[in-house]
Amino acid sequence: DHDRGGYFRLASDDPQATCKQLYYPDTASLVTRF
């Protein structure tokens, strides 16, 4: 529920930024690129 469920956002302020996501190799550390 977008309105009632809650979220935690940390992201570029540019809504047009191209986003890519990957894991650091062989880990559970997640990298999100803007």
Full PDB file with SEQRES, HELIX, SHEET, SSBOND, CRYST1, ORIGX, SCALE, CONECT and MASTER records, all heavy atoms in Angstrom:
SEQRES   1 A   34  ASP HIS ASP ARG GLY GLY TYR PHE ARG LEU ALA SER ASP          
SEQRES   2 A   34  ASP PRO GLN ALA THR CYS LYS GLN LEU TYR TYR PRO ASP          
SEQRES   3 A   34  THR ALA SER LEU VAL THR ARG PHE                              
SHEET    1 AA1 2 LYS A  20  TYR A  23  0                                        
SHEET    2 AA1 2 LEU A  30  ARG A  33 -1                                        
CRYST1    1.000    1.000    1.000  90.00  90.00  90.00 P 1           1          
ORIGX1      1.000000  0.000000  0.000000        0.00000                         
ORIGX2      0.000000  1.000000  0.000000        0.00000                         
ORIGX3      0.000000  0.000000  1.000000        0.00000                         
SCALE1      1.000000  0.000000  0.000000        0.00000                         
SCALE2      0.000000  1.000000  0.000000        0.00000                         
SCALE3      0.000000  0.000000  1.000000        0.00000                         
ATOM      1  N   ASP A   1       0.869  -1.181   0.000  1.00  0.00           N  
ATOM      2  CA  ASP A   1       0.000   0.000   0.000  1.00  0.00           C  
ATOM      3  C   ASP A   1       0.902   1.226   0.000  1.00  0.00           C  
ATOM      4  O   ASP A   1       1.516   1.556   1.015  1.00  0.00           O  
ATOM      5  CB  ASP A   1      -0.929   0.019   1.212  1.00  0.00           C  
ATOM      6  CG  ASP A   1      -2.045   1.055   1.067  1.00  0.00           C  
ATOM      7  OD1 ASP A   1      -1.724   2.231   0.793  1.00  0.00           O  
ATOM      8  OD2 ASP A   1      -3.223   0.688   1.226  1.00  0.00           O  
ATOM      9  N   HIS A   2       0.983   1.891  -1.138  1.00  0.00           N  
ATOM     10  CA  HIS A   2       1.907   3.011  -1.281  1.00  0.00           C  
ATOM     11  C   HIS A   2       1.628   4.109  -0.257  1.00  0.00           C  
ATOM     12  O   HIS A   2       2.557   4.698   0.299  1.00  0.00           O  
ATOM     13  CB  HIS A   2       1.820   3.592  -2.687  1.00  0.00           C  
ATOM     14  CG  HIS A   2       2.653   4.814  -2.882  1.00  0.00           C  
ATOM     15  ND1 HIS A   2       4.005   4.748  -3.146  1.00  0.00           N  
ATOM     16  CD2 HIS A   2       2.348   6.144  -2.828  1.00  0.00           C  
ATOM     17  CE1 HIS A   2       4.494   5.972  -3.256  1.00  0.00           C  
ATOM     18  NE2 HIS A   2       3.506   6.835  -3.062  1.00  0.00           N  
ATOM     19  N   ASP A   3       0.369   4.376   0.016  1.00  0.00           N  
ATOM     20  CA  ASP A   3       0.012   5.491   0.890  1.00  0.00           C  
ATOM     21  C   ASP A   3       0.076   5.128   2.364  1.00  0.00           C  
ATOM     22  O   ASP A   3       0.400   5.970   3.198  1.00  0.00           O  
ATOM     23  CB  ASP A   3      -1.398   5.995   0.551  1.00  0.00           C  
ATOM     24  CG  ASP A   3      -1.482   6.542  -0.870  1.00  0.00           C  
ATOM     25  OD1 ASP A   3      -0.504   7.192  -1.307  1.00  0.00           O  
ATOM     26  OD2 ASP A   3      -2.502   6.302  -1.540  1.00  0.00           O  
ATOM     27  N   ARG A   4      -0.222   3.879   2.729  1.00  0.00           N  
ATOM     28  CA  ARG A   4      -0.316   3.493   4.135  1.00  0.00           C  
ATOM     29  C   ARG A   4       0.835   2.621   4.617  1.00  0.00           C  
ATOM     30  O   ARG A   4       0.988   2.409   5.819  1.00  0.00           O  
ATOM     31  CB  ARG A   4      -1.620   2.724   4.376  1.00  0.00           C  
ATOM     32  CG  ARG A   4      -2.887   3.531   4.085  1.00  0.00           C  
ATOM     33  CD  ARG A   4      -4.123   2.678   4.360  1.00  0.00           C  
ATOM     34  NE  ARG A   4      -5.356   3.407   4.075  1.00  0.00           N  
ATOM     35  CZ  ARG A   4      -5.949   3.439   2.896  1.00  0.00           C  
ATOM     36  NH1 ARG A   4      -5.414   2.772   1.874  1.00  0.00           N  
ATOM     37  NH2 ARG A   4      -7.068   4.111   2.713  1.00  0.00           N  
ATOM     38  N   GLY A   5       1.641   2.092   3.686  1.00  0.00           N  
ATOM     39  CA  GLY A   5       2.611   1.076   4.078  1.00  0.00           C  
ATOM     40  C   GLY A   5       3.930   1.582   4.601  1.00  0.00           C  
ATOM     41  O   GLY A   5       4.591   0.913   5.398  1.00  0.00           O  
ATOM     42  N   GLY A   6       4.388   2.769   4.142  1.00  0.00           N  
ATOM     43  CA  GLY A   6       5.664   3.306   4.596  1.00  0.00           C  
ATOM     44  C   GLY A   6       6.821   2.867   3.720  1.00  0.00           C  
ATOM     45  O   GLY A   6       6.806   1.780   3.127  1.00  0.00           O  
ATOM     46  N   TYR A   7       7.846   3.743   3.638  1.00  0.00           N  
ATOM     47  CA  TYR A   7       9.016   3.439   2.821  1.00  0.00           C  
ATOM     48  C   TYR A   7      10.213   4.261   3.293  1.00  0.00           C  
ATOM     49  O   TYR A   7      10.082   5.199   4.086  1.00  0.00           O  
ATOM     50  CB  TYR A   7       8.735   3.708   1.343  1.00  0.00           C  
ATOM     51  CG  TYR A   7       8.360   5.147   1.016  1.00  0.00           C  
ATOM     52  CD1 TYR A   7       9.340   6.108   0.739  1.00  0.00           C  
ATOM     53  CD2 TYR A   7       7.028   5.554   0.977  1.00  0.00           C  
ATOM     54  CE1 TYR A   7       9.003   7.421   0.443  1.00  0.00           C  
ATOM     55  CE2 TYR A   7       6.674   6.863   0.670  1.00  0.00           C  
ATOM     56  CZ  TYR A   7       7.677   7.792   0.405  1.00  0.00           C  
ATOM     57  OH  TYR A   7       7.347   9.090   0.119  1.00  0.00           O  
ATOM     58  N   PHE A   8      11.382   3.915   2.768  1.00  0.00           N  
ATOM     59  CA  PHE A   8      12.638   4.582   3.109  1.00  0.00           C  
ATOM     60  C   PHE A   8      13.383   4.799   1.788  1.00  0.00           C  
ATOM     61  O   PHE A   8      13.892   3.867   1.190  1.00  0.00           O  
ATOM     62  CB  PHE A   8      13.439   3.703   4.056  1.00  0.00           C  
ATOM     63  CG  PHE A   8      14.744   4.286   4.538  1.00  0.00           C  
ATOM     64  CD1 PHE A   8      15.100   5.611   4.328  1.00  0.00           C  
ATOM     65  CD2 PHE A   8      15.636   3.481   5.247  1.00  0.00           C  
ATOM     66  CE1 PHE A   8      16.309   6.124   4.791  1.00  0.00           C  
ATOM     67  CE2 PHE A   8      16.838   3.979   5.713  1.00  0.00           C  
ATOM     68  CZ  PHE A   8      17.174   5.300   5.480  1.00  0.00           C  
ATOM     69  N   ARG A   9      13.444   6.056   1.347  1.00  0.00           N  
ATOM     70  CA  ARG A   9      14.031   6.370   0.044  1.00  0.00           C  
ATOM     71  C   ARG A   9      15.350   7.101   0.227  1.00  0.00           C  
ATOM     72  O   ARG A   9      15.457   8.055   0.998  1.00  0.00           O  
ATOM     73  CB  ARG A   9      13.070   7.240  -0.773  1.00  0.00           C  
ATOM     74  CG  ARG A   9      13.622   7.726  -2.096  1.00  0.00           C  
ATOM     75  CD  ARG A   9      12.565   8.479  -2.899  1.00  0.00           C  
ATOM     76  NE  ARG A   9      13.116   9.065  -4.124  1.00  0.00           N  
ATOM     77  CZ  ARG A   9      13.520  10.321  -4.236  1.00  0.00           C  
ATOM     78  NH1 ARG A   9      13.408  11.157  -3.203  1.00  0.00           N  
ATOM     79  NH2 ARG A   9      14.021  10.758  -5.378  1.00  0.00           N  
ATOM     80  N   LEU A  10      16.376   6.664  -0.483  1.00  0.00           N  
ATOM     81  CA  LEU A  10      17.645   7.379  -0.610  1.00  0.00           C  
ATOM     82  C   LEU A  10      18.043   7.262  -2.071  1.00  0.00           C  
ATOM     83  O   LEU A  10      18.410   6.182  -2.542  1.00  0.00           O  
ATOM     84  CB  LEU A  10      18.720   6.796   0.305  1.00  0.00           C  
ATOM     85  CG  LEU A  10      20.079   7.514   0.263  1.00  0.00           C  
ATOM     86  CD1 LEU A  10      19.959   8.964   0.718  1.00  0.00           C  
ATOM     87  CD2 LEU A  10      21.116   6.769   1.106  1.00  0.00           C  
ATOM     88  N   ALA A  11      17.965   8.377  -2.809  1.00  0.00           N  
ATOM     89  CA  ALA A  11      18.118   8.307  -4.259  1.00  0.00           C  
ATOM     90  C   ALA A  11      18.505   9.670  -4.811  1.00  0.00           C  
ATOM     91  O   ALA A  11      18.397  10.698  -4.124  1.00  0.00           O  
ATOM     92  CB  ALA A  11      16.816   7.837  -4.904  1.00  0.00           C  
ATOM     93  N   SER A  12      18.949   9.680  -6.064  1.00  0.00           N  
ATOM     94  CA  SER A  12      19.209  10.933  -6.767  1.00  0.00           C  
ATOM     95  C   SER A  12      17.931  11.755  -6.843  1.00  0.00           C  
ATOM     96  O   SER A  12      16.827  11.217  -6.964  1.00  0.00           O  
ATOM     97  CB  SER A  12      19.726  10.629  -8.180  1.00  0.00           C  
ATOM     98  OG  SER A  12      19.675  11.778  -8.991  1.00  0.00           O  
ATOM     99  N   ASP A  13      18.094  13.095  -6.775  1.00  0.00           N  
ATOM    100  CA  ASP A  13      16.912  13.966  -6.877  1.00  0.00           C  
ATOM    101  C   ASP A  13      16.475  14.166  -8.327  1.00  0.00           C  
ATOM    102  O   ASP A  13      15.462  14.826  -8.579  1.00  0.00           O  
ATOM    103  CB  ASP A  13      17.176  15.316  -6.217  1.00  0.00           C  
ATOM    104  CG  ASP A  13      18.152  16.188  -7.026  1.00  0.00           C  
ATOM    105  OD1 ASP A  13      18.883  15.641  -7.889  1.00  0.00           O  
ATOM    106  OD2 ASP A  13      18.179  17.405  -6.793  1.00  0.00           O  
ATOM    107  N   ASP A  14      17.207  13.608  -9.273  1.00  0.00           N  
ATOM    108  CA  ASP A  14      16.877  13.756 -10.688  1.00  0.00           C  
ATOM    109  C   ASP A  14      15.896  12.655 -11.091  1.00  0.00           C  
ATOM    110  O   ASP A  14      16.273  11.480 -11.199  1.00  0.00           O  
ATOM    111  CB  ASP A  14      18.135  13.670 -11.544  1.00  0.00           C  
ATOM    112  CG  ASP A  14      17.866  13.900 -13.027  1.00  0.00           C  
ATOM    113  OD1 ASP A  14      16.673  14.001 -13.411  1.00  0.00           O  
ATOM    114  OD2 ASP A  14      18.829  13.972 -13.809  1.00  0.00           O  
ATOM    115  N   PRO A  15      14.622  12.986 -11.319  1.00  0.00           N  
ATOM    116  CA  PRO A  15      13.648  11.937 -11.660  1.00  0.00           C  
ATOM    117  C   PRO A  15      13.913  11.285 -13.009  1.00  0.00           C  
ATOM    118  O   PRO A  15      13.382  10.209 -13.294  1.00  0.00           O  
ATOM    119  CB  PRO A  15      12.313  12.687 -11.662  1.00  0.00           C  
ATOM    120  CG  PRO A  15      12.673  14.112 -11.942  1.00  0.00           C  
ATOM    121  CD  PRO A  15      14.016  14.327 -11.305  1.00  0.00           C  
ATOM    122  N   GLN A  16      14.738  11.917 -13.832  1.00  0.00           N  
ATOM    123  CA  GLN A  16      15.054  11.359 -15.145  1.00  0.00           C  
ATOM    124  C   GLN A  16      16.340  10.537 -15.146  1.00  0.00           C  
ATOM    125  O   GLN A  16      16.762  10.054 -16.203  1.00  0.00           O  
ATOM    126  CB  GLN A  16      15.171  12.498 -16.174  1.00  0.00           C  
ATOM    127  CG  GLN A  16      13.929  13.367 -16.283  1.00  0.00           C  
ATOM    128  CD  GLN A  16      12.688  12.568 -16.585  1.00  0.00           C  
ATOM    129  OE1 GLN A  16      12.691  11.664 -17.430  1.00  0.00           O  
ATOM    130  NE2 GLN A  16      11.597  12.888 -15.886  1.00  0.00           N  
ATOM    131  N   ALA A  17      16.962  10.406 -13.993  1.00  0.00           N  
ATOM    132  CA  ALA A  17      18.219   9.655 -13.931  1.00  0.00           C  
ATOM    133  C   ALA A  17      17.991   8.207 -14.358  1.00  0.00           C  
ATOM    134  O   ALA A  17      16.974   7.592 -14.031  1.00  0.00           O  
ATOM    135  CB  ALA A  17      18.795   9.703 -12.524  1.00  0.00           C  
ATOM    136  N   THR A  18      18.940   7.672 -15.089  1.00  0.00           N  
ATOM    137  CA  THR A  18      18.913   6.256 -15.443  1.00  0.00           C  
ATOM    138  C   THR A  18      19.406   5.446 -14.252  1.00  0.00           C  
ATOM    139  O   THR A  18      20.447   5.757 -13.670  1.00  0.00           O  
ATOM    140  CB  THR A  18      19.809   5.985 -16.651  1.00  0.00           C  
ATOM    141  OG1 THR A  18      19.323   6.731 -17.767  1.00  0.00           O  
ATOM    142  CG2 THR A  18      19.838   4.508 -16.998  1.00  0.00           C  
ATOM    143  N   CYS A  19      18.651   4.404 -13.892  1.00  0.00           N  
ATOM    144  CA  CYS A  19      18.982   3.618 -12.697  1.00  0.00           C  
ATOM    145  C   CYS A  19      19.400   2.204 -13.092  1.00  0.00           C  
ATOM    146  O   CYS A  19      18.756   1.566 -13.936  1.00  0.00           O  
ATOM    147  CB  CYS A  19      17.783   3.562 -11.762  1.00  0.00           C  
ATOM    148  SG  CYS A  19      17.228   5.173 -11.178  1.00  0.00           S  
ATOM    149  N   LYS A  20      20.455   1.745 -12.492  1.00  0.00           N  
ATOM    150  CA  LYS A  20      20.935   0.381 -12.679  1.00  0.00           C  
ATOM    151  C   LYS A  20      21.230  -0.202 -11.307  1.00  0.00           C  
ATOM    152  O   LYS A  20      21.621   0.521 -10.390  1.00  0.00           O  
ATOM    153  CB  LYS A  20      22.216   0.349 -13.528  1.00  0.00           C  
ATOM    154  CG  LYS A  20      22.070   0.932 -14.922  1.00  0.00           C  
ATOM    155  CD  LYS A  20      21.245   0.040 -15.835  1.00  0.00           C  
ATOM    156  CE  LYS A  20      21.207   0.584 -17.261  1.00  0.00           C  
ATOM    157  NZ  LYS A  20      20.400  -0.267 -18.156  1.00  0.00           N  
ATOM    158  N   GLN A  21      21.059  -1.505 -11.186  1.00  0.00           N  
ATOM    159  CA  GLN A  21      21.259  -2.146  -9.883  1.00  0.00           C  
ATOM    160  C   GLN A  21      22.024  -3.442 -10.054  1.00  0.00           C  
ATOM    161  O   GLN A  21      21.809  -4.188 -11.016  1.00  0.00           O  
ATOM    162  CB  GLN A  21      19.903  -2.410  -9.217  1.00  0.00           C  
ATOM    163  CG  GLN A  21      19.947  -2.660  -7.725  1.00  0.00           C  
ATOM    164  CD  GLN A  21      18.545  -2.746  -7.138  1.00  0.00           C  
ATOM    165  OE1 GLN A  21      17.721  -3.548  -7.562  1.00  0.00           O  
ATOM    166  NE2 GLN A  21      18.254  -1.894  -6.148  1.00  0.00           N  
ATOM    167  N   LEU A  22      22.935  -3.704  -9.122  1.00  0.00           N  
ATOM    168  CA  LEU A  22      23.713  -4.932  -9.142  1.00  0.00           C  
ATOM    169  C   LEU A  22      24.157  -5.258  -7.729  1.00  0.00           C  
ATOM    170  O   LEU A  22      24.125  -4.405  -6.837  1.00  0.00           O  
ATOM    171  CB  LEU A  22      24.946  -4.791 -10.041  1.00  0.00           C  
ATOM    172  CG  LEU A  22      26.079  -3.869  -9.543  1.00  0.00           C  
ATOM    173  CD1 LEU A  22      27.405  -4.280 -10.179  1.00  0.00           C  
ATOM    174  CD2 LEU A  22      25.802  -2.408  -9.874  1.00  0.00           C  
ATOM    175  N   TYR A  23      24.565  -6.500  -7.534  1.00  0.00           N  
ATOM    176  CA  TYR A  23      25.192  -6.888  -6.278  1.00  0.00           C  
ATOM    177  C   TYR A  23      26.703  -6.750  -6.401  1.00  0.00           C  
ATOM    178  O   TYR A  23      27.284  -7.033  -7.455  1.00  0.00           O  
ATOM    179  CB  TYR A  23      24.879  -8.345  -5.925  1.00  0.00           C  
ATOM    180  CG  TYR A  23      23.509  -8.561  -5.318  1.00  0.00           C  
ATOM    181  CD1 TYR A  23      22.494  -9.182  -6.045  1.00  0.00           C  
ATOM    182  CD2 TYR A  23      23.228  -8.163  -4.011  1.00  0.00           C  
ATOM    183  CE1 TYR A  23      21.242  -9.395  -5.490  1.00  0.00           C  
ATOM    184  CE2 TYR A  23      21.986  -8.372  -3.451  1.00  0.00           C  
ATOM    185  CZ  TYR A  23      20.998  -8.986  -4.189  1.00  0.00           C  
ATOM    186  OH  TYR A  23      19.764  -9.196  -3.631  1.00  0.00           O  
ATOM    187  N   TYR A  24      27.339  -6.305  -5.308  1.00  0.00           N  
ATOM    188  CA  TYR A  24      28.794  -6.437  -5.258  1.00  0.00           C  
ATOM    189  C   TYR A  24      29.078  -7.930  -5.385  1.00  0.00           C  
ATOM    190  O   TYR A  24      28.404  -8.759  -4.769  1.00  0.00           O  
ATOM    191  CB  TYR A  24      29.337  -5.871  -3.945  1.00  0.00           C  
ATOM    192  CG  TYR A  24      30.816  -5.623  -3.980  1.00  0.00           C  
ATOM    193  CD1 TYR A  24      31.324  -4.427  -4.485  1.00  0.00           C  
ATOM    194  CD2 TYR A  24      31.708  -6.591  -3.539  1.00  0.00           C  
ATOM    195  CE1 TYR A  24      32.698  -4.212  -4.536  1.00  0.00           C  
ATOM    196  CE2 TYR A  24      33.070  -6.387  -3.593  1.00  0.00           C  
ATOM    197  CZ  TYR A  24      33.576  -5.193  -4.101  1.00  0.00           C  
ATOM    198  OH  TYR A  24      34.928  -4.998  -4.163  1.00  0.00           O  
ATOM    199  N   PRO A  25      30.067  -8.337  -6.194  1.00  0.00           N  
ATOM    200  CA  PRO A  25      30.222  -9.747  -6.561  1.00  0.00           C  
ATOM    201  C   PRO A  25      30.217 -10.701  -5.370  1.00  0.00           C  
ATOM    202  O   PRO A  25      30.913 -10.503  -4.375  1.00  0.00           O  
ATOM    203  CB  PRO A  25      31.579  -9.762  -7.281  1.00  0.00           C  
ATOM    204  CG  PRO A  25      31.702  -8.393  -7.862  1.00  0.00           C  
ATOM    205  CD  PRO A  25      31.068  -7.480  -6.855  1.00  0.00           C  
ATOM    206  N   ASP A  26      29.389 -11.738  -5.506  1.00  0.00           N  
ATOM    207  CA  ASP A  26      29.300 -12.823  -4.521  1.00  0.00           C  
ATOM    208  C   ASP A  26      28.997 -12.324  -3.113  1.00  0.00           C  
ATOM    209  O   ASP A  26      29.536 -12.843  -2.127  1.00  0.00           O  
ATOM    210  CB  ASP A  26      30.584 -13.659  -4.527  1.00  0.00           C  
ATOM    211  CG  ASP A  26      30.701 -14.533  -5.754  1.00  0.00           C  
ATOM    212  OD1 ASP A  26      29.669 -14.777  -6.415  1.00  0.00           O  
ATOM    213  OD2 ASP A  26      31.820 -14.972  -6.073  1.00  0.00           O  
ATOM    214  N   THR A  27      28.129 -11.318  -3.003  1.00  0.00           N  
ATOM    215  CA  THR A  27      27.731 -10.805  -1.697  1.00  0.00           C  
ATOM    216  C   THR A  27      26.238 -10.500  -1.709  1.00  0.00           C  
ATOM    217  O   THR A  27      25.565 -10.618  -2.735  1.00  0.00           O  
ATOM    218  CB  THR A  27      28.483  -9.516  -1.318  1.00  0.00           C  
ATOM    219  OG1 THR A  27      27.932  -8.404  -2.032  1.00  0.00           O  
ATOM    220  CG2 THR A  27      29.976  -9.624  -1.588  1.00  0.00           C  
ATOM    221  N   ALA A  28      25.750 -10.037  -0.554  1.00  0.00           N  
ATOM    222  CA  ALA A  28      24.388  -9.532  -0.432  1.00  0.00           C  
ATOM    223  C   ALA A  28      24.376  -8.024  -0.273  1.00  0.00           C  
ATOM    224  O   ALA A  28      23.397  -7.461   0.223  1.00  0.00           O  
ATOM    225  CB  ALA A  28      23.692 -10.195   0.759  1.00  0.00           C  
ATOM    226  N   SER A  29      25.442  -7.367  -0.682  1.00  0.00           N  
ATOM    227  CA  SER A  29      25.514  -5.901  -0.670  1.00  0.00           C  
ATOM    228  C   SER A  29      25.033  -5.388  -2.018  1.00  0.00           C  
ATOM    229  O   SER A  29      25.581  -5.735  -3.065  1.00  0.00           O  
ATOM    230  CB  SER A  29      26.944  -5.429  -0.402  1.00  0.00           C  
ATOM    231  OG  SER A  29      27.376  -5.861   0.875  1.00  0.00           O  
ATOM    232  N   LEU A  30      23.986  -4.565  -1.993  1.00  0.00           N  
ATOM    233  CA  LEU A  30      23.273  -4.159  -3.196  1.00  0.00           C  
ATOM    234  C   LEU A  30      23.673  -2.744  -3.592  1.00  0.00           C  
ATOM    235  O   LEU A  30      23.633  -1.822  -2.767  1.00  0.00           O  
ATOM    236  CB  LEU A  30      21.771  -4.224  -2.934  1.00  0.00           C  
ATOM    237  CG  LEU A  30      20.822  -4.056  -4.116  1.00  0.00           C  
ATOM    238  CD1 LEU A  30      20.964  -5.227  -5.095  1.00  0.00           C  
ATOM    239  CD2 LEU A  30      19.384  -3.950  -3.615  1.00  0.00           C  
ATOM    240  N   VAL A  31      24.047  -2.569  -4.850  1.00  0.00           N  
ATOM    241  CA  VAL A  31      24.490  -1.273  -5.367  1.00  0.00           C  
ATOM    242  C   VAL A  31      23.443  -0.764  -6.358  1.00  0.00           C  
ATOM    243  O   VAL A  31      23.140  -1.430  -7.348  1.00  0.00           O  
ATOM    244  CB  VAL A  31      25.860  -1.383  -6.068  1.00  0.00           C  
ATOM    245  CG1 VAL A  31      26.327   0.000  -6.539  1.00  0.00           C  
ATOM    246  CG2 VAL A  31      26.887  -2.015  -5.140  1.00  0.00           C  
ATOM    247  N   THR A  32      22.889   0.420  -6.080  1.00  0.00           N  
ATOM    248  CA  THR A  32      21.950   1.064  -6.992  1.00  0.00           C  
ATOM    249  C   THR A  32      22.616   2.302  -7.564  1.00  0.00           C  
ATOM    250  O   THR A  32      23.047   3.183  -6.809  1.00  0.00           O  
ATOM    251  CB  THR A  32      20.653   1.454  -6.261  1.00  0.00           C  
ATOM    252  OG1 THR A  32      20.111   0.293  -5.608  1.00  0.00           O  
ATOM    253  CG2 THR A  32      19.622   1.991  -7.248  1.00  0.00           C  
ATOM    254  N   ARG A  33      22.713   2.391  -8.900  1.00  0.00           N  
ATOM    255  CA  ARG A  33      23.443   3.469  -9.565  1.00  0.00           C  
ATOM    256  C   ARG A  33      22.465   4.432 -10.230  1.00  0.00           C  
ATOM    257  O   ARG A  33      21.461   4.019 -10.814  1.00  0.00           O  
ATOM    258  CB  ARG A  33      24.429   2.896 -10.590  1.00  0.00           C  
ATOM    259  CG  ARG A  33      25.318   1.788 -10.029  1.00  0.00           C  
ATOM    260  CD  ARG A  33      26.395   1.378 -11.013  1.00  0.00           C  
ATOM    261  NE  ARG A  33      27.441   2.392 -11.074  1.00  0.00           N  
ATOM    262  CZ  ARG A  33      27.999   2.817 -12.209  1.00  0.00           C  
ATOM    263  NH1 ARG A  33      27.569   2.361 -13.378  1.00  0.00           N  
ATOM    264  NH2 ARG A  33      28.949   3.726 -12.174  1.00  0.00           N  
ATOM    265  N   PHE A  34      22.768   5.716 -10.125  1.00  0.00           N  
ATOM    266  CA  PHE A  34      21.956   6.779 -10.713  1.00  0.00           C  
ATOM    267  C   PHE A  34      22.837   7.570 -11.676  1.00  0.00           C  
ATOM    268  O   PHE A  34      23.827   8.179 -11.257  1.00  0.00           O  
ATOM    269  CB  PHE A  34      21.404   7.702  -9.624  1.00  0.00           C  
ATOM    270  CG  PHE A  34      20.598   6.978  -8.576  1.00  0.00           C  
ATOM    271  CD1 PHE A  34      21.211   6.443  -7.442  1.00  0.00           C  
ATOM    272  CD2 PHE A  34      19.232   6.821  -8.724  1.00  0.00           C  
ATOM    273  CE1 PHE A  34      20.479   5.776  -6.486  1.00  0.00           C  
ATOM    274  CE2 PHE A  34      18.478   6.157  -7.764  1.00  0.00           C  
ATOM    275  CZ  PHE A  34      19.106   5.635  -6.643  1.00  0.00           C  
TER     276      PHE A  34                                                      
MASTER        0    0    0    0    2    0    0    6  275    1    0    3          
END                                                                             
